[in-house]
Amino acid sequence: MNAQRLAYDDLSTPAEMTADCVAAQAALARPLAAAARDLSLEQAKAGEIEVPEAAAHLARALHLQLDGE
């Protein structure tokens, strides 16, 4: 490292660094939005909740109320 150049000194202007940040945000936001959209499409929209017999038995033993009973 050159003694005349500090470690935090950057050759880019603040406007260039801002543009880089905006571009990085846009590049990261697109895959995230697509993943969230795909996940919501993959999740099944069930009308009823199925409670396995073992879970119902455990709930009765613990005096819990489960949907589906």
PDB file of N, CA and C in Angstrom:
ATOM      1  N   MET A   1       0.836  -1.174   0.000  1.00  0.00           N
ATOM      2  CA  MET A   1       0.000   0.000   0.000  1.00  0.00           C
ATOM      3  C   MET A   1       0.881   1.238   0.000  1.00  0.00           C
ATOM      4  N   ASN A   2       0.522   2.172  -0.782  1.00  0.00           N
ATOM      5  CA  ASN A   2       1.249   3.431  -0.896  1.00  0.00           C
ATOM      6  C   ASN A   2       1.008   4.272   0.359  1.00  0.00           C
ATOM      7  N   ALA A   3       2.049   4.899   0.872  1.00  0.00           N
ATOM      8  CA  ALA A   3       1.937   5.709   2.081  1.00  0.00           C
ATOM      9  C   ALA A   3       1.061   6.933   1.856  1.00  0.00           C
ATOM     10  N   GLN A   4       0.950   7.384   0.614  1.00  0.00           N
ATOM     11  CA  GLN A   4       0.139   8.561   0.314  1.00  0.00           C
ATOM     12  C   GLN A   4      -1.346   8.223   0.194  1.00  0.00           C
ATOM     13  N   ARG A   5      -1.677   6.949   0.027  1.00  0.00           N
ATOM     14  CA  ARG A   5      -3.070   6.551  -0.141  1.00  0.00           C
ATOM     15  C   ARG A   5      -3.523   5.814   1.116  1.00  0.00           C
ATOM     16  N   LEU A   6      -4.567   6.304   1.750  1.00  0.00           N
ATOM     17  CA  LEU A   6      -5.086   5.688   2.956  1.00  0.00           C
ATOM     18  C   LEU A   6      -5.898   4.442   2.607  1.00  0.00           C
ATOM     19  N   ALA A   7      -6.054   3.562   3.572  1.00  0.00           N
ATOM     20  CA  ALA A   7      -6.770   2.312   3.349  1.00  0.00           C
ATOM     21  C   ALA A   7      -8.225   2.545   2.967  1.00  0.00           C
ATOM     22  N   TYR A   8      -8.838   3.600   3.461  1.00  0.00           N
ATOM     23  CA  TYR A   8     -10.247   3.860   3.180  1.00  0.00           C
ATOM     24  C   TYR A   8     -10.463   4.765   1.975  1.00  0.00           C
ATOM     25  N   ASP A   9      -9.405   5.218   1.369  1.00  0.00           N
ATOM     26  CA  ASP A   9      -9.491   6.076   0.198  1.00  0.00           C
ATOM     27  C   ASP A   9      -9.995   5.256  -0.984  1.00  0.00           C
ATOM     28  N   ASP A  10     -10.975   5.752  -1.681  1.00  0.00           N
ATOM     29  CA  ASP A  10     -11.548   5.026  -2.813  1.00  0.00           C
ATOM     30  C   ASP A  10     -11.421   5.873  -4.067  1.00  0.00           C
ATOM     31  N   LEU A  11     -11.138   5.221  -5.178  1.00  0.00           N
ATOM     32  CA  LEU A  11     -10.978   5.944  -6.431  1.00  0.00           C
ATOM     33  C   LEU A  11     -12.307   6.306  -7.074  1.00  0.00           C
ATOM     34  N   SER A  12     -13.399   5.684  -6.639  1.00  0.00           N
ATOM     35  CA  SER A  12     -14.710   5.992  -7.195  1.00  0.00           C
ATOM     36  C   SER A  12     -15.295   7.231  -6.535  1.00  0.00           C
ATOM     37  N   THR A  13     -16.134   7.920  -7.298  1.00  0.00           N
ATOM     38  CA  THR A  13     -16.818   9.088  -6.747  1.00  0.00           C
ATOM     39  C   THR A  13     -18.035   8.612  -5.952  1.00  0.00           C
ATOM     40  N   PRO A  14     -18.550   9.443  -5.075  1.00  0.00           N
ATOM     41  CA  PRO A  14     -19.763   9.059  -4.345  1.00  0.00           C
ATOM     42  C   PRO A  14     -20.929   8.716  -5.290  1.00  0.00           C
ATOM     43  N   ALA A  15     -21.050   9.429  -6.391  1.00  0.00           N
ATOM     44  CA  ALA A  15     -22.117   9.139  -7.354  1.00  0.00           C
ATOM     45  C   ALA A  15     -21.930   7.754  -7.980  1.00  0.00           C
ATOM     46  N   GLU A  16     -20.683   7.398  -8.295  1.00  0.00           N
ATOM     47  CA  GLU A  16     -20.412   6.071  -8.864  1.00  0.00           C
ATOM     48  C   GLU A  16     -20.701   4.963  -7.848  1.00  0.00           C
ATOM     49  N   MET A  17     -20.317   5.199  -6.592  1.00  0.00           N
ATOM     50  CA  MET A  17     -20.580   4.198  -5.557  1.00  0.00           C
ATOM     51  C   MET A  17     -22.082   4.052  -5.312  1.00  0.00           C
ATOM     52  N   THR A  18     -22.824   5.161  -5.367  1.00  0.00           N
ATOM     53  CA  THR A  18     -24.272   5.104  -5.212  1.00  0.00           C
ATOM     54  C   THR A  18     -24.897   4.312  -6.351  1.00  0.00           C
ATOM     55  N   ALA A  19     -24.447   4.558  -7.564  1.00  0.00           N
ATOM     56  CA  ALA A  19     -24.967   3.825  -8.720  1.00  0.00           C
ATOM     57  C   ALA A  19     -24.663   2.331  -8.592  1.00  0.00           C
ATOM     58  N   ASP A  20     -23.484   1.990  -8.097  1.00  0.00           N
ATOM     59  CA  ASP A  20     -23.132   0.586  -7.877  1.00  0.00           C
ATOM     60  C   ASP A  20     -24.070  -0.063  -6.859  1.00  0.00           C
ATOM     61  N   CYS A  21     -24.384   0.659  -5.784  1.00  0.00           N
ATOM     62  CA  CYS A  21     -25.277   0.131  -4.752  1.00  0.00           C
ATOM     63  C   CYS A  21     -26.679  -0.086  -5.307  1.00  0.00           C
ATOM     64  N   VAL A  22     -27.162   0.859  -6.091  1.00  0.00           N
ATOM     65  CA  VAL A  22     -28.497   0.723  -6.688  1.00  0.00           C
ATOM     66  C   VAL A  22     -28.534  -0.469  -7.638  1.00  0.00           C
ATOM     67  N   ALA A  23     -27.487  -0.643  -8.426  1.00  0.00           N
ATOM     68  CA  ALA A  23     -27.424  -1.780  -9.353  1.00  0.00           C
ATOM     69  C   ALA A  23     -27.366  -3.103  -8.599  1.00  0.00           C
ATOM     70  N   ALA A  24     -26.597  -3.150  -7.512  1.00  0.00           N
ATOM     71  CA  ALA A  24     -26.506  -4.374  -6.721  1.00  0.00           C
ATOM     72  C   ALA A  24     -27.843  -4.699  -6.072  1.00  0.00           C
ATOM     73  N   GLN A  25     -28.533  -3.683  -5.569  1.00  0.00           N
ATOM     74  CA  GLN A  25     -29.844  -3.896  -4.953  1.00  0.00           C
ATOM     75  C   GLN A  25     -30.835  -4.438  -5.978  1.00  0.00           C
ATOM     76  N   ALA A  26     -30.834  -3.890  -7.168  1.00  0.00           N
ATOM     77  CA  ALA A  26     -31.750  -4.355  -8.209  1.00  0.00           C
ATOM     78  C   ALA A  26     -31.436  -5.796  -8.603  1.00  0.00           C
ATOM     79  N   ALA A  27     -30.155  -6.120  -8.685  1.00  0.00           N
ATOM     80  CA  ALA A  27     -29.757  -7.475  -9.073  1.00  0.00           C
ATOM     81  C   ALA A  27     -30.134  -8.493  -7.996  1.00  0.00           C
ATOM     82  N   LEU A  28     -30.090  -8.100  -6.728  1.00  0.00           N
ATOM     83  CA  LEU A  28     -30.432  -9.008  -5.641  1.00  0.00           C
ATOM     84  C   LEU A  28     -31.939  -9.099  -5.429  1.00  0.00           C
ATOM     85  N   ALA A  29     -32.666  -8.037  -5.705  1.00  0.00           N
ATOM     86  CA  ALA A  29     -34.109  -8.016  -5.458  1.00  0.00           C
ATOM     87  C   ALA A  29     -34.865  -8.902  -6.441  1.00  0.00           C
ATOM     88  N   ARG A  30     -34.427  -8.964  -7.692  1.00  0.00           N
ATOM     89  CA  ARG A  30     -35.147  -9.769  -8.694  1.00  0.00           C
ATOM     90  C   ARG A  30     -35.195 -11.246  -8.335  1.00  0.00           C
ATOM     91  N   PRO A  31     -34.065 -11.894  -8.011  1.00  0.00           N
ATOM     92  CA  PRO A  31     -34.151 -13.313  -7.645  1.00  0.00           C
ATOM     93  C   PRO A  31     -34.941 -13.543  -6.361  1.00  0.00           C
ATOM     94  N   LEU A  32     -34.866 -12.629  -5.410  1.00  0.00           N
ATOM     95  CA  LEU A  32     -35.600 -12.780  -4.167  1.00  0.00           C
ATOM     96  C   LEU A  32     -37.102 -12.708  -4.419  1.00  0.00           C
ATOM     97  N   ALA A  33     -37.537 -11.758  -5.225  1.00  0.00           N
ATOM     98  CA  ALA A  33     -38.959 -11.626  -5.533  1.00  0.00           C
ATOM     99  C   ALA A  33     -39.457 -12.849  -6.292  1.00  0.00           C
ATOM    100  N   ALA A  34     -38.657 -13.343  -7.222  1.00  0.00           N
ATOM    101  CA  ALA A  34     -39.050 -14.527  -7.985  1.00  0.00           C
ATOM    102  C   ALA A  34     -39.139 -15.748  -7.077  1.00  0.00           C
ATOM    103  N   ALA A  35     -38.222 -15.888  -6.144  1.00  0.00           N
ATOM    104  CA  ALA A  35     -38.245 -17.028  -5.222  1.00  0.00           C
ATOM    105  C   ALA A  35     -39.469 -16.967  -4.319  1.00  0.00           C
ATOM    106  N   ALA A  36     -39.816 -15.788  -3.839  1.00  0.00           N
ATOM    107  CA  ALA A  36     -41.006 -15.640  -2.996  1.00  0.00           C
ATOM    108  C   ALA A  36     -42.267 -15.959  -3.783  1.00  0.00           C
ATOM    109  N   ARG A  37     -42.331 -15.520  -5.033  1.00  0.00           N
ATOM    110  CA  ARG A  37     -43.495 -15.808  -5.880  1.00  0.00           C
ATOM    111  C   ARG A  37     -43.607 -17.309  -6.138  1.00  0.00           C
ATOM    112  N   ASP A  38     -42.486 -17.952  -6.451  1.00  0.00           N
ATOM    113  CA  ASP A  38     -42.503 -19.390  -6.717  1.00  0.00           C
ATOM    114  C   ASP A  38     -42.889 -20.183  -5.482  1.00  0.00           C
ATOM    115  N   LEU A  39     -42.414 -19.752  -4.319  1.00  0.00           N
ATOM    116  CA  LEU A  39     -42.737 -20.452  -3.084  1.00  0.00           C
ATOM    117  C   LEU A  39     -44.231 -20.376  -2.801  1.00  0.00           C
ATOM    118  N   SER A  40     -44.828 -19.219  -3.032  1.00  0.00           N
ATOM    119  CA  SER A  40     -46.255 -19.080  -2.775  1.00  0.00           C
ATOM    120  C   SER A  40     -47.069 -19.936  -3.739  1.00  0.00           C
ATOM    121  N   LEU A  41     -46.574 -20.156  -4.951  1.00  0.00           N
ATOM    122  CA  LEU A  41     -47.273 -21.010  -5.904  1.00  0.00           C
ATOM    123  C   LEU A  41     -47.134 -22.482  -5.543  1.00  0.00           C
ATOM    124  N   GLU A  42     -46.007 -22.859  -4.923  1.00  0.00           N
ATOM    125  CA  GLU A  42     -45.755 -24.256  -4.581  1.00  0.00           C
ATOM    126  C   GLU A  42     -46.559 -24.714  -3.374  1.00  0.00           C
ATOM    127  N   GLN A  43     -46.868 -23.794  -2.473  1.00  0.00           N
ATOM    128  CA  GLN A  43     -47.563 -24.179  -1.254  1.00  0.00           C
ATOM    129  C   GLN A  43     -49.013 -24.519  -1.568  1.00  0.00           C
ATOM    130  N   ALA A  44     -49.425 -25.676  -1.111  1.00  0.00           N
ATOM    131  CA  ALA A  44     -50.792 -26.131  -1.345  1.00  0.00           C
ATOM    132  C   ALA A  44     -51.757 -25.332  -0.481  1.00  0.00           C
ATOM    133  N   LYS A  45     -52.895 -25.034  -1.046  1.00  0.00           N
ATOM    134  CA  LYS A  45     -53.946 -24.338  -0.325  1.00  0.00           C
ATOM    135  C   LYS A  45     -54.955 -25.381   0.144  1.00  0.00           C
ATOM    136  N   ALA A  46     -54.723 -25.955   1.303  1.00  0.00           N
ATOM    137  CA  ALA A  46     -55.580 -27.012   1.830  1.00  0.00           C
ATOM    138  C   ALA A  46     -56.813 -26.412   2.485  1.00  0.00           C
ATOM    139  N   GLY A  47     -57.956 -27.036   2.248  1.00  0.00           N
ATOM    140  CA  GLY A  47     -59.191 -26.576   2.857  1.00  0.00           C
ATOM    141  C   GLY A  47     -59.340 -27.090   4.272  1.00  0.00           C
ATOM    142  N   GLU A  48     -58.821 -28.253   4.542  1.00  0.00           N
ATOM    143  CA  GLU A  48     -58.932 -28.841   5.863  1.00  0.00           C
ATOM    144  C   GLU A  48     -57.548 -29.209   6.384  1.00  0.00           C
ATOM    145  N   ILE A  49     -57.440 -29.222   7.696  1.00  0.00           N
ATOM    146  CA  ILE A  49     -56.191 -29.638   8.327  1.00  0.00           C
ATOM    147  C   ILE A  49     -56.354 -31.086   8.738  1.00  0.00           C
ATOM    148  N   GLU A  50     -55.466 -31.924   8.290  1.00  0.00           N
ATOM    149  CA  GLU A  50     -55.512 -33.330   8.660  1.00  0.00           C
ATOM    150  C   GLU A  50     -54.658 -33.540   9.913  1.00  0.00           C
ATOM    151  N   VAL A  51     -55.275 -34.130  10.924  1.00  0.00           N
ATOM    152  CA  VAL A  51     -54.572 -34.406  12.173  1.00  0.00           C
ATOM    153  C   VAL A  51     -54.350 -35.908  12.260  1.00  0.00           C
ATOM    154  N   PRO A  52     -53.101 -36.350  12.242  1.00  0.00           N
ATOM    155  CA  PRO A  52     -52.833 -37.784  12.357  1.00  0.00           C
ATOM    156  C   PRO A  52     -53.361 -38.330  13.689  1.00  0.00           C
ATOM    157  N   GLU A  53     -53.709 -39.584  13.698  1.00  0.00           N
ATOM    158  CA  GLU A  53     -54.260 -40.211  14.898  1.00  0.00           C
ATOM    159  C   GLU A  53     -53.289 -40.125  16.072  1.00  0.00           C
ATOM    160  N   ALA A  54     -52.002 -40.298  15.825  1.00  0.00           N
ATOM    161  CA  ALA A  54     -51.011 -40.220  16.901  1.00  0.00           C
ATOM    162  C   ALA A  54     -50.992 -38.822  17.524  1.00  0.00           C
ATOM    163  N   ALA A  55     -51.100 -37.787  16.699  1.00  0.00           N
ATOM    164  CA  ALA A  55     -51.114 -36.417  17.209  1.00  0.00           C
ATOM    165  C   ALA A  55     -52.391 -36.152  17.995  1.00  0.00           C
ATOM    166  N   ALA A  56     -53.518 -36.662  17.509  1.00  0.00           N
ATOM    167  CA  ALA A  56     -54.780 -36.492  18.218  1.00  0.00           C
ATOM    168  C   ALA A  56     -54.731 -37.201  19.573  1.00  0.00           C
ATOM    169  N   HIS A  57     -54.155 -38.393  19.599  1.00  0.00           N
ATOM    170  CA  HIS A  57     -54.030 -39.142  20.846  1.00  0.00           C
ATOM    171  C   HIS A  57     -53.163 -38.366  21.845  1.00  0.00           C
ATOM    172  N   LEU A  58     -52.068 -37.823  21.384  1.00  0.00           N
ATOM    173  CA  LEU A  58     -51.185 -37.038  22.240  1.00  0.00           C
ATOM    174  C   LEU A  58     -51.901 -35.785  22.748  1.00  0.00           C
ATOM    175  N   ALA A  59     -52.658 -35.121  21.873  1.00  0.00           N
ATOM    176  CA  ALA A  59     -53.391 -33.921  22.268  1.00  0.00           C
ATOM    177  C   ALA A  59     -54.433 -34.248  23.330  1.00  0.00           C
ATOM    178  N   ARG A  60     -55.131 -35.384  23.164  1.00  0.00           N
ATOM    179  CA  ARG A  60     -56.113 -35.786  24.170  1.00  0.00           C
ATOM    180  C   ARG A  60     -55.428 -36.056  25.507  1.00  0.00           C
ATOM    181  N   ALA A  61     -54.268 -36.685  25.454  1.00  0.00           N
ATOM    182  CA  ALA A  61     -53.542 -36.976  26.687  1.00  0.00           C
ATOM    183  C   ALA A  61     -53.077 -35.690  27.380  1.00  0.00           C
ATOM    184  N   LEU A  62     -52.790 -34.672  26.590  1.00  0.00           N
ATOM    185  CA  LEU A  62     -52.348 -33.395  27.154  1.00  0.00           C
ATOM    186  C   LEU A  62     -53.502 -32.411  27.321  1.00  0.00           C
ATOM    187  N   HIS A  63     -54.725 -32.857  26.988  1.00  0.00           N
ATOM    188  CA  HIS A  63     -55.930 -32.033  27.080  1.00  0.00           C
ATOM    189  C   HIS A  63     -55.824 -30.800  26.171  1.00  0.00           C
ATOM    190  N   LEU A  64     -55.358 -31.007  24.945  1.00  0.00           N
ATOM    191  CA  LEU A  64     -55.268 -29.932  23.965  1.00  0.00           C
ATOM    192  C   LEU A  64     -56.396 -30.061  22.953  1.00  0.00           C
ATOM    193  N   GLN A  65     -56.757 -28.972  22.324  1.00  0.00           N
ATOM    194  CA  GLN A  65     -57.771 -28.989  21.282  1.00  0.00           C
ATOM    195  C   GLN A  65     -57.085 -28.737  19.948  1.00  0.00           C
ATOM    196  N   LEU A  66     -57.154 -29.714  19.029  1.00  0.00           N
ATOM    197  CA  LEU A  66     -56.589 -29.565  17.704  1.00  0.00           C
ATOM    198  C   LEU A  66     -57.697 -29.376  16.688  1.00  0.00           C
ATOM    199  N   ASP A  67     -57.443 -28.578  15.664  1.00  0.00           N
ATOM    200  CA  ASP A  67     -58.410 -28.465  14.566  1.00  0.00           C
ATOM    201  C   ASP A  67     -58.552 -29.839  13.938  1.00  0.00           C
ATOM    202  N   GLY A  68     -59.739 -30.206  13.587  1.00  0.00           N
ATOM    203  CA  GLY A  68     -59.964 -31.482  12.962  1.00  0.00           C
ATOM    204  C   GLY A  68     -60.589 -32.499  13.905  1.00  0.00           C
ATOM    205  N   GLU A  69     -60.691 -32.145  15.176  1.00  0.00           N
ATOM    206  CA  GLU A  69     -61.331 -33.055  16.142  1.00  0.00           C
ATOM    207  C   GLU A  69     -62.779 -32.726  16.267  1.00  0.00           C
TER     208      GLU A  69
END
